[in-house]
Amino acid sequence: VDVVPNMYLRIVQPCISQKLKSDPAMRLHNLETYLKLTRLPANNPITIVIWPEAALPLFLEQDTVRRHYI
């Protein structure tokens, strides 16, 4: 296993049901949940954040508002 100095990961995995993930009315709330978990304090500065592959049911490259929000 390689170790990269000064690199700290944060893996974000909230408990959001599949039904709520796909509900358009919950998109902003779900995004806020991911951001809240992403911003939690840490002992070291986080350098990489990993969200689940299907964290948000939208295309960030096409959604400039939410992309800017992130």
PDB file of N, CA and C in Angstrom:
ATOM      1  N   VAL A   1       0.850  -1.170   0.000  1.00  0.00           N
ATOM      2  CA  VAL A   1       0.000   0.000   0.000  1.00  0.00           C
ATOM      3  C   VAL A   1       0.894   1.231   0.000  1.00  0.00           C
ATOM      4  N   ASP A   2       0.634   2.114  -0.929  1.00  0.00           N
ATOM      5  CA  ASP A   2       1.383   3.369  -0.980  1.00  0.00           C
ATOM      6  C   ASP A   2       0.738   4.392  -0.069  1.00  0.00           C
ATOM      7  N   VAL A   3       1.566   5.221   0.512  1.00  0.00           N
ATOM      8  CA  VAL A   3       1.103   6.309   1.355  1.00  0.00           C
ATOM      9  C   VAL A   3       1.528   7.610   0.701  1.00  0.00           C
ATOM     10  N   VAL A   4       0.595   8.522   0.575  1.00  0.00           N
ATOM     11  CA  VAL A   4       0.896   9.835   0.022  1.00  0.00           C
ATOM     12  C   VAL A   4       0.881  10.823   1.180  1.00  0.00           C
ATOM     13  N   PRO A   5       2.006  11.454   1.446  1.00  0.00           N
ATOM     14  CA  PRO A   5       2.048  12.378   2.581  1.00  0.00           C
ATOM     15  C   PRO A   5       1.082  13.550   2.398  1.00  0.00           C
ATOM     16  N   ASN A   6       0.513  13.962   3.506  1.00  0.00           N
ATOM     17  CA  ASN A   6      -0.376  15.128   3.539  1.00  0.00           C
ATOM     18  C   ASN A   6      -1.614  15.005   2.655  1.00  0.00           C
ATOM     19  N   MET A   7      -2.054  13.809   2.374  1.00  0.00           N
ATOM     20  CA  MET A   7      -3.286  13.597   1.622  1.00  0.00           C
ATOM     21  C   MET A   7      -4.282  12.927   2.562  1.00  0.00           C
ATOM     22  N   TYR A   8      -5.423  13.588   2.730  1.00  0.00           N
ATOM     23  CA  TYR A   8      -6.428  13.092   3.657  1.00  0.00           C
ATOM     24  C   TYR A   8      -7.764  12.985   2.942  1.00  0.00           C
ATOM     25  N   LEU A   9      -8.332  11.796   2.991  1.00  0.00           N
ATOM     26  CA  LEU A   9      -9.598  11.517   2.315  1.00  0.00           C
ATOM     27  C   LEU A   9     -10.767  11.686   3.266  1.00  0.00           C
ATOM     28  N   ARG A  10     -11.875  12.094   2.687  1.00  0.00           N
ATOM     29  CA  ARG A  10     -13.151  12.059   3.401  1.00  0.00           C
ATOM     30  C   ARG A  10     -14.110  11.310   2.491  1.00  0.00           C
ATOM     31  N   ILE A  11     -14.646  10.210   2.983  1.00  0.00           N
ATOM     32  CA  ILE A  11     -15.633   9.431   2.238  1.00  0.00           C
ATOM     33  C   ILE A  11     -16.997   9.750   2.825  1.00  0.00           C
ATOM     34  N   VAL A  12     -17.880  10.276   1.992  1.00  0.00           N
ATOM     35  CA  VAL A  12     -19.196  10.724   2.426  1.00  0.00           C
ATOM     36  C   VAL A  12     -20.237   9.701   1.978  1.00  0.00           C
ATOM     37  N   GLN A  13     -20.976   9.158   2.930  1.00  0.00           N
ATOM     38  CA  GLN A  13     -21.997   8.164   2.621  1.00  0.00           C
ATOM     39  C   GLN A  13     -23.202   8.380   3.527  1.00  0.00           C
ATOM     40  N   PRO A  14     -24.065   9.345   3.182  1.00  0.00           N
ATOM     41  CA  PRO A  14     -25.246   9.570   4.019  1.00  0.00           C
ATOM     42  C   PRO A  14     -26.273   8.454   3.818  1.00  0.00           C
ATOM     43  N   CYS A  15     -27.134   8.335   4.750  1.00  0.00           N
ATOM     44  CA  CYS A  15     -28.189   7.328   4.667  1.00  0.00           C
ATOM     45  C   CYS A  15     -29.432   7.992   4.062  1.00  0.00           C
ATOM     46  N   ILE A  16     -29.471   8.032   2.732  1.00  0.00           N
ATOM     47  CA  ILE A  16     -30.613   8.611   2.017  1.00  0.00           C
ATOM     48  C   ILE A  16     -31.242   7.485   1.202  1.00  0.00           C
ATOM     49  N   SER A  17     -32.520   7.246   1.411  1.00  0.00           N
ATOM     50  CA  SER A  17     -33.181   6.154   0.702  1.00  0.00           C
ATOM     51  C   SER A  17     -33.206   6.432  -0.804  1.00  0.00           C
ATOM     52  N   GLN A  18     -33.237   5.383  -1.581  1.00  0.00           N
ATOM     53  CA  GLN A  18     -33.267   5.516  -3.041  1.00  0.00           C
ATOM     54  C   GLN A  18     -34.478   6.329  -3.491  1.00  0.00           C
ATOM     55  N   LYS A  19     -35.595   6.154  -2.800  1.00  0.00           N
ATOM     56  CA  LYS A  19     -36.804   6.898  -3.145  1.00  0.00           C
ATOM     57  C   LYS A  19     -36.576   8.403  -2.996  1.00  0.00           C
ATOM     58  N   LEU A  20     -35.921   8.811  -1.909  1.00  0.00           N
ATOM     59  CA  LEU A  20     -35.658  10.233  -1.689  1.00  0.00           C
ATOM     60  C   LEU A  20     -34.574  10.763  -2.624  1.00  0.00           C
ATOM     61  N   LYS A  21     -33.617   9.911  -2.996  1.00  0.00           N
ATOM     62  CA  LYS A  21     -32.571  10.338  -3.932  1.00  0.00           C
ATOM     63  C   LYS A  21     -33.155  10.713  -5.278  1.00  0.00           C
ATOM     64  N   SER A  22     -34.176   9.990  -5.697  1.00  0.00           N
ATOM     65  CA  SER A  22     -34.748  10.227  -7.025  1.00  0.00           C
ATOM     66  C   SER A  22     -35.904  11.224  -7.013  1.00  0.00           C
ATOM     67  N   ASP A  23     -36.269  11.738  -5.853  1.00  0.00           N
ATOM     68  CA  ASP A  23     -37.360  12.704  -5.751  1.00  0.00           C
ATOM     69  C   ASP A  23     -36.840  14.101  -6.100  1.00  0.00           C
ATOM     70  N   PRO A  24     -37.307  14.700  -7.205  1.00  0.00           N
ATOM     71  CA  PRO A  24     -36.826  16.031  -7.599  1.00  0.00           C
ATOM     72  C   PRO A  24     -37.007  17.092  -6.513  1.00  0.00           C
ATOM     73  N   ALA A  25     -38.039  16.954  -5.697  1.00  0.00           N
ATOM     74  CA  ALA A  25     -38.285  17.925  -4.634  1.00  0.00           C
ATOM     75  C   ALA A  25     -37.225  17.844  -3.525  1.00  0.00           C
ATOM     76  N   MET A  26     -36.495  16.738  -3.462  1.00  0.00           N
ATOM     77  CA  MET A  26     -35.497  16.542  -2.407  1.00  0.00           C
ATOM     78  C   MET A  26     -34.072  16.822  -2.871  1.00  0.00           C
ATOM     79  N   ARG A  27     -33.882  17.182  -4.140  1.00  0.00           N
ATOM     80  CA  ARG A  27     -32.524  17.341  -4.672  1.00  0.00           C
ATOM     81  C   ARG A  27     -31.693  18.339  -3.884  1.00  0.00           C
ATOM     82  N   LEU A  28     -32.248  19.516  -3.623  1.00  0.00           N
ATOM     83  CA  LEU A  28     -31.478  20.520  -2.902  1.00  0.00           C
ATOM     84  C   LEU A  28     -31.197  20.067  -1.471  1.00  0.00           C
ATOM     85  N   HIS A  29     -32.183  19.482  -0.824  1.00  0.00           N
ATOM     86  CA  HIS A  29     -31.985  18.972   0.537  1.00  0.00           C
ATOM     87  C   HIS A  29     -30.889  17.907   0.565  1.00  0.00           C
ATOM     88  N   ASN A  30     -30.923  16.988  -0.400  1.00  0.00           N
ATOM     89  CA  ASN A  30     -29.908  15.938  -0.456  1.00  0.00           C
ATOM     90  C   ASN A  30     -28.521  16.530  -0.697  1.00  0.00           C
ATOM     91  N   LEU A  31     -28.444  17.499  -1.597  1.00  0.00           N
ATOM     92  CA  LEU A  31     -27.172  18.170  -1.855  1.00  0.00           C
ATOM     93  C   LEU A  31     -26.657  18.829  -0.578  1.00  0.00           C
ATOM     94  N   GLU A  32     -27.521  19.491   0.140  1.00  0.00           N
ATOM     95  CA  GLU A  32     -27.130  20.127   1.397  1.00  0.00           C
ATOM     96  C   GLU A  32     -26.638  19.099   2.412  1.00  0.00           C
ATOM     97  N   THR A  33     -27.243  17.918   2.416  1.00  0.00           N
ATOM     98  CA  THR A  33     -26.795  16.841   3.308  1.00  0.00           C
ATOM     99  C   THR A  33     -25.374  16.424   2.966  1.00  0.00           C
ATOM    100  N   TYR A  34     -25.101  16.223   1.683  1.00  0.00           N
ATOM    101  CA  TYR A  34     -23.740  15.860   1.256  1.00  0.00           C
ATOM    102  C   TYR A  34     -22.747  16.956   1.617  1.00  0.00           C
ATOM    103  N   LEU A  35     -23.109  18.204   1.386  1.00  0.00           N
ATOM    104  CA  LEU A  35     -22.200  19.308   1.689  1.00  0.00           C
ATOM    105  C   LEU A  35     -21.953  19.435   3.188  1.00  0.00           C
ATOM    106  N   LYS A  36     -22.996  19.244   3.989  1.00  0.00           N
ATOM    107  CA  LYS A  36     -22.843  19.311   5.442  1.00  0.00           C
ATOM    108  C   LYS A  36     -21.857  18.243   5.927  1.00  0.00           C
ATOM    109  N   LEU A  37     -22.011  17.026   5.429  1.00  0.00           N
ATOM    110  CA  LEU A  37     -21.104  15.948   5.814  1.00  0.00           C
ATOM    111  C   LEU A  37     -19.691  16.201   5.286  1.00  0.00           C
ATOM    112  N   THR A  38     -19.594  16.785   4.110  1.00  0.00           N
ATOM    113  CA  THR A  38     -18.296  17.083   3.513  1.00  0.00           C
ATOM    114  C   THR A  38     -17.539  18.114   4.351  1.00  0.00           C
ATOM    115  N   ARG A  39     -18.265  19.059   4.925  1.00  0.00           N
ATOM    116  CA  ARG A  39     -17.638  20.166   5.646  1.00  0.00           C
ATOM    117  C   ARG A  39     -17.415  19.910   7.138  1.00  0.00           C
ATOM    118  N   LEU A  40     -17.740  18.726   7.618  1.00  0.00           N
ATOM    119  CA  LEU A  40     -17.524  18.445   9.042  1.00  0.00           C
ATOM    120  C   LEU A  40     -16.059  18.676   9.416  1.00  0.00           C
ATOM    121  N   PRO A  41     -15.808  19.110  10.636  1.00  0.00           N
ATOM    122  CA  PRO A  41     -14.421  19.318  11.060  1.00  0.00           C
ATOM    123  C   PRO A  41     -13.611  18.020  10.982  1.00  0.00           C
ATOM    124  N   ALA A  42     -12.311  18.200  10.790  1.00  0.00           N
ATOM    125  CA  ALA A  42     -11.406  17.053  10.716  1.00  0.00           C
ATOM    126  C   ALA A  42     -10.113  17.391  11.442  1.00  0.00           C
ATOM    127  N   ASN A  43      -9.387  16.381  11.839  1.00  0.00           N
ATOM    128  CA  ASN A  43      -8.102  16.592  12.507  1.00  0.00           C
ATOM    129  C   ASN A  43      -7.058  17.168  11.559  1.00  0.00           C
ATOM    130  N   ASN A  44      -7.166  16.812  10.289  1.00  0.00           N
ATOM    131  CA  ASN A  44      -6.245  17.298   9.263  1.00  0.00           C
ATOM    132  C   ASN A  44      -7.067  17.895   8.131  1.00  0.00           C
ATOM    133  N   PRO A  45      -6.488  18.807   7.363  1.00  0.00           N
ATOM    134  CA  PRO A  45      -7.245  19.382   6.246  1.00  0.00           C
ATOM    135  C   PRO A  45      -7.550  18.312   5.197  1.00  0.00           C
ATOM    136  N   ILE A  46      -8.814  18.203   4.812  1.00  0.00           N
ATOM    137  CA  ILE A  46      -9.239  17.210   3.838  1.00  0.00           C
ATOM    138  C   ILE A  46      -8.775  17.658   2.451  1.00  0.00           C
ATOM    139  N   THR A  47      -8.105  16.765   1.733  1.00  0.00           N
ATOM    140  CA  THR A  47      -7.613  17.100   0.398  1.00  0.00           C
ATOM    141  C   THR A  47      -8.445  16.464  -0.702  1.00  0.00           C
ATOM    142  N   ILE A  48      -9.119  15.364  -0.396  1.00  0.00           N
ATOM    143  CA  ILE A  48      -9.947  14.677  -1.387  1.00  0.00           C
ATOM    144  C   ILE A  48     -11.248  14.248  -0.728  1.00  0.00           C
ATOM    145  N   VAL A  49     -12.357  14.549  -1.388  1.00  0.00           N
ATOM    146  CA  VAL A  49     -13.681  14.132  -0.910  1.00  0.00           C
ATOM    147  C   VAL A  49     -14.244  13.145  -1.923  1.00  0.00           C
ATOM    148  N   ILE A  50     -14.763  12.046  -1.425  1.00  0.00           N
ATOM    149  CA  ILE A  50     -15.357  11.021  -2.287  1.00  0.00           C
ATOM    150  C   ILE A  50     -16.830  10.884  -1.933  1.00  0.00           C
ATOM    151  N   TRP A  51     -17.673  11.129  -2.931  1.00  0.00           N
ATOM    152  CA  TRP A  51     -19.115  10.936  -2.804  1.00  0.00           C
ATOM    153  C   TRP A  51     -19.485   9.679  -3.589  1.00  0.00           C
ATOM    154  N   PRO A  52     -20.609   9.056  -3.252  1.00  0.00           N
ATOM    155  CA  PRO A  52     -21.056   7.888  -4.025  1.00  0.00           C
ATOM    156  C   PRO A  52     -21.283   8.253  -5.491  1.00  0.00           C
ATOM    157  N   GLU A  53     -21.146   7.261  -6.333  1.00  0.00           N
ATOM    158  CA  GLU A  53     -21.313   7.454  -7.777  1.00  0.00           C
ATOM    159  C   GLU A  53     -22.663   8.086  -8.114  1.00  0.00           C
ATOM    160  N   ALA A  54     -23.708   7.672  -7.440  1.00  0.00           N
ATOM    161  CA  ALA A  54     -25.050   8.179  -7.737  1.00  0.00           C
ATOM    162  C   ALA A  54     -25.527   9.127  -6.636  1.00  0.00           C
ATOM    163  N   ALA A  55     -24.633   9.951  -6.128  1.00  0.00           N
ATOM    164  CA  ALA A  55     -24.995  10.844  -5.021  1.00  0.00           C
ATOM    165  C   ALA A  55     -26.126  11.786  -5.398  1.00  0.00           C
ATOM    166  N   LEU A  56     -26.049  12.363  -6.571  1.00  0.00           N
ATOM    167  CA  LEU A  56     -27.072  13.312  -7.015  1.00  0.00           C
ATOM    168  C   LEU A  56     -27.634  12.865  -8.362  1.00  0.00           C
ATOM    169  N   PRO A  57     -28.953  12.790  -8.488  1.00  0.00           N
ATOM    170  CA  PRO A  57     -29.547  12.350  -9.763  1.00  0.00           C
ATOM    171  C   PRO A  57     -29.649  13.502 -10.759  1.00  0.00           C
ATOM    172  N   LEU A  58     -28.498  14.086 -11.082  1.00  0.00           N
ATOM    173  CA  LEU A  58     -28.454  15.177 -12.048  1.00  0.00           C
ATOM    174  C   LEU A  58     -27.048  15.236 -12.629  1.00  0.00           C
ATOM    175  N   PHE A  59     -26.883  15.979 -13.700  1.00  0.00           N
ATOM    176  CA  PHE A  59     -25.594  16.125 -14.343  1.00  0.00           C
ATOM    177  C   PHE A  59     -25.003  17.475 -13.947  1.00  0.00           C
ATOM    178  N   LEU A  60     -23.979  17.453 -13.100  1.00  0.00           N
ATOM    179  CA  LEU A  60     -23.411  18.704 -12.614  1.00  0.00           C
ATOM    180  C   LEU A  60     -22.827  19.553 -13.738  1.00  0.00           C
ATOM    181  N   GLU A  61     -22.323  18.921 -14.780  1.00  0.00           N
ATOM    182  CA  GLU A  61     -21.768  19.704 -15.883  1.00  0.00           C
ATOM    183  C   GLU A  61     -22.850  20.486 -16.616  1.00  0.00           C
ATOM    184  N   GLN A  62     -24.105  20.087 -16.445  1.00  0.00           N
ATOM    185  CA  GLN A  62     -25.223  20.791 -17.074  1.00  0.00           C
ATOM    186  C   GLN A  62     -26.001  21.659 -16.080  1.00  0.00           C
ATOM    187  N   ASP A  63     -25.681  21.564 -14.820  1.00  0.00           N
ATOM    188  CA  ASP A  63     -26.413  22.300 -13.778  1.00  0.00           C
ATOM    189  C   ASP A  63     -25.462  23.294 -13.122  1.00  0.00           C
ATOM    190  N   THR A  64     -25.299  24.440 -13.751  1.00  0.00           N
ATOM    191  CA  THR A  64     -24.319  25.415 -13.272  1.00  0.00           C
ATOM    192  C   THR A  64     -24.668  25.961 -11.888  1.00  0.00           C
ATOM    193  N   VAL A  65     -25.936  26.057 -11.550  1.00  0.00           N
ATOM    194  CA  VAL A  65     -26.328  26.584 -10.245  1.00  0.00           C
ATOM    195  C   VAL A  65     -25.849  25.660  -9.140  1.00  0.00           C
ATOM    196  N   ARG A  66     -26.169  24.383  -9.244  1.00  0.00           N
ATOM    197  CA  ARG A  66     -25.748  23.437  -8.199  1.00  0.00           C
ATOM    198  C   ARG A  66     -24.236  23.218  -8.225  1.00  0.00           C
ATOM    199  N   ARG A  67     -23.644  23.235  -9.390  1.00  0.00           N
ATOM    200  CA  ARG A  67     -22.189  23.090  -9.481  1.00  0.00           C
ATOM    201  C   ARG A  67     -21.509  24.260  -8.771  1.00  0.00           C
ATOM    202  N   HIS A  68     -22.006  25.448  -8.956  1.00  0.00           N
ATOM    203  CA  HIS A  68     -21.449  26.615  -8.276  1.00  0.00           C
ATOM    204  C   HIS A  68     -21.672  26.504  -6.767  1.00  0.00           C
ATOM    205  N   TYR A  69     -22.813  25.981  -6.366  1.00  0.00           N
ATOM    206  CA  TYR A  69     -23.147  25.799  -4.958  1.00  0.00           C
ATOM    207  C   TYR A  69     -22.117  24.889  -4.270  1.00  0.00           C
ATOM    208  N   ILE A  70     -21.739  23.838  -4.996  1.00  0.00           N
ATOM    209  CA  ILE A  70     -20.752  22.897  -4.454  1.00  0.00           C
ATOM    210  C   ILE A  70     -19.407  23.568  -4.359  1.00  0.00           C
TER     211      ILE A  70
END
